Amino acid sequence: NFSSIQAHYFLNAYAESLQDAKKCIELKSDWHKGYMREGMAYEKLLQYPEAKNSYAKGLEKAPEDPTLIKLGKAIDELLDELKLSEQESAADNPEGDRFSRLIKWMK
């Protein structure tokens, strides 16, 4: 339920928060906040494309929600920045894996 999603999220238990959000969506798929919570958990788990997808689904349900709009824009900007950074890192270190490039970008 919503309470456990919030509790897990604020306790930094993001995998549990994600599972709770998925259950919320399963039970009430027309509620945009379930998708928002799912996206937020995906972000904390560094699964950015999945977060973007969740925010997009939430925006389909509530296109005027200001928080979802803000989160959607932020994840788009982050993915664009990561893509550029990944391209730059790949040129510097073509044998490096994506995780190593992400860690380098975060520093």
Protein backbone atom coordinates (compact mmCIF):
# COMPACT_ATOMS: atom_id res chain seq x y z
CA ASN A 1 0.00 0.00 0.00
CA PHE A 2 0.96 3.66 -0.17
CA SER A 3 2.26 3.72 3.42
CA SER A 4 4.72 0.89 2.84
CA ILE A 5 5.92 2.44 -0.43
CA GLN A 6 6.73 5.67 1.39
CA ALA A 7 8.24 3.89 4.39
CA HIS A 8 10.55 1.74 2.29
CA TYR A 9 11.56 4.72 0.17
CA PHE A 10 12.46 6.90 3.14
CA LEU A 11 14.30 4.01 4.78
CA ASN A 12 16.44 3.69 1.64
CA ALA A 13 14.94 0.25 0.97
CA TYR A 14 14.51 1.00 -2.72
CA ALA A 15 14.11 -2.58 -3.96
CA GLU A 16 11.26 -3.06 -1.49
CA SER A 17 9.80 0.32 -2.45
CA LEU A 18 9.88 -0.75 -6.10
CA GLN A 19 8.07 -4.00 -5.32
CA ASP A 20 5.44 -2.10 -3.33
CA ALA A 21 4.96 0.38 -6.19
CA LYS A 22 4.54 -2.49 -8.66
CA LYS A 23 1.89 -4.03 -6.42
CA CYS A 24 0.17 -0.66 -6.15
CA ILE A 25 0.08 -0.40 -9.95
CA GLU A 26 -1.24 -3.94 -10.19
CA LEU A 27 -4.08 -3.10 -7.81
CA LYS A 28 -4.86 0.39 -9.12
CA SER A 29 -3.32 0.87 -12.55
CA ASP A 30 -5.14 4.15 -13.19
CA TRP A 31 -3.49 5.95 -10.23
CA HIS A 32 -0.63 8.08 -11.49
CA LYS A 33 1.19 8.22 -8.17
CA GLY A 34 1.90 4.49 -8.30
CA TYR A 35 3.90 5.08 -11.46
CA MET A 36 5.58 8.10 -9.90
CA ARG A 37 6.68 6.03 -6.89
CA GLU A 38 7.86 3.27 -9.21
CA GLY A 39 9.94 5.77 -11.18
CA MET A 40 11.44 7.25 -8.05
CA ALA A 41 12.48 3.80 -6.82
CA TYR A 42 13.97 2.97 -10.23
CA GLU A 43 15.97 6.20 -10.10
CA LYS A 44 17.40 5.33 -6.69
CA LEU A 45 18.33 1.91 -8.07
CA LEU A 46 20.14 3.68 -10.96
CA GLN A 47 17.72 2.18 -13.49
CA TYR A 48 17.13 5.41 -15.35
CA PRO A 49 15.46 4.17 -18.56
CA GLU A 50 12.95 2.26 -16.44
CA ALA A 51 12.33 5.39 -14.35
CA LYS A 52 11.67 7.39 -17.51
CA ASN A 53 9.17 4.76 -18.66
CA SER A 54 7.36 4.83 -15.30
CA TYR A 55 7.11 8.62 -15.32
CA ALA A 56 5.77 8.52 -18.88
CA LYS A 57 3.07 6.04 -17.85
CA GLY A 58 2.16 8.25 -14.91
CA LEU A 59 1.90 11.27 -17.20
CA GLU A 60 -0.49 9.32 -19.43
CA LYS A 61 -2.78 9.04 -16.40
CA ALA A 62 -2.27 12.61 -15.14
CA PRO A 63 -0.70 14.82 -17.84
CA GLU A 64 -0.95 17.98 -15.73
CA ASP A 65 0.67 16.62 -12.55
CA PRO A 66 3.48 19.11 -11.81
CA THR A 67 5.63 16.64 -9.88
CA LEU A 68 5.53 14.06 -12.67
CA ILE A 69 6.27 16.74 -15.25
CA LYS A 70 9.28 17.86 -13.21
CA LEU A 71 10.52 14.30 -12.66
CA GLY A 72 10.07 13.47 -16.36
CA LYS A 73 12.09 16.49 -17.44
CA ALA A 74 14.81 15.79 -14.89
CA ILE A 75 15.22 12.16 -15.99
CA ASP A 76 15.34 13.21 -19.65
CA GLU A 77 18.11 15.69 -18.85
CA LEU A 78 19.99 13.09 -16.81
CA LEU A 79 19.76 10.50 -19.57
CA ASP A 80 20.95 13.04 -22.13
CA GLU A 81 23.88 13.97 -19.90
CA LEU A 82 24.75 10.33 -19.24
CA LYS A 83 24.60 9.59 -22.96
CA LEU A 84 27.04 12.40 -23.73
CA SER A 85 29.28 11.41 -20.85
CA GLU A 86 29.16 7.77 -21.93
CA GLN A 87 30.18 8.72 -25.45
CA GLU A 88 33.06 10.80 -24.14
CA SER A 89 34.18 8.03 -21.77
CA ALA A 90 33.88 5.40 -24.47
CA ALA A 91 36.23 7.44 -26.63
CA ASP A 92 38.70 7.69 -23.71
CA ASN A 93 38.29 4.06 -22.62
CA PRO A 94 36.60 1.91 -25.27
CA GLU A 95 37.13 -1.27 -23.23
CA GLY A 96 35.45 0.14 -20.09
CA ASP A 97 32.08 -1.16 -19.04
CA ARG A 98 28.99 1.04 -18.59
CA PHE A 99 29.07 0.79 -14.80
CA SER A 100 32.65 2.07 -14.66
CA ARG A 101 31.70 4.98 -16.91
CA LEU A 102 28.72 5.78 -14.67
CA ILE A 103 30.97 5.81 -11.60
CA LYS A 104 33.44 8.07 -13.41
CA TRP A 105 30.60 10.39 -14.40
CA MET A 106 29.32 10.55 -10.82
CA LYS A 107 32.72 11.68 -9.51
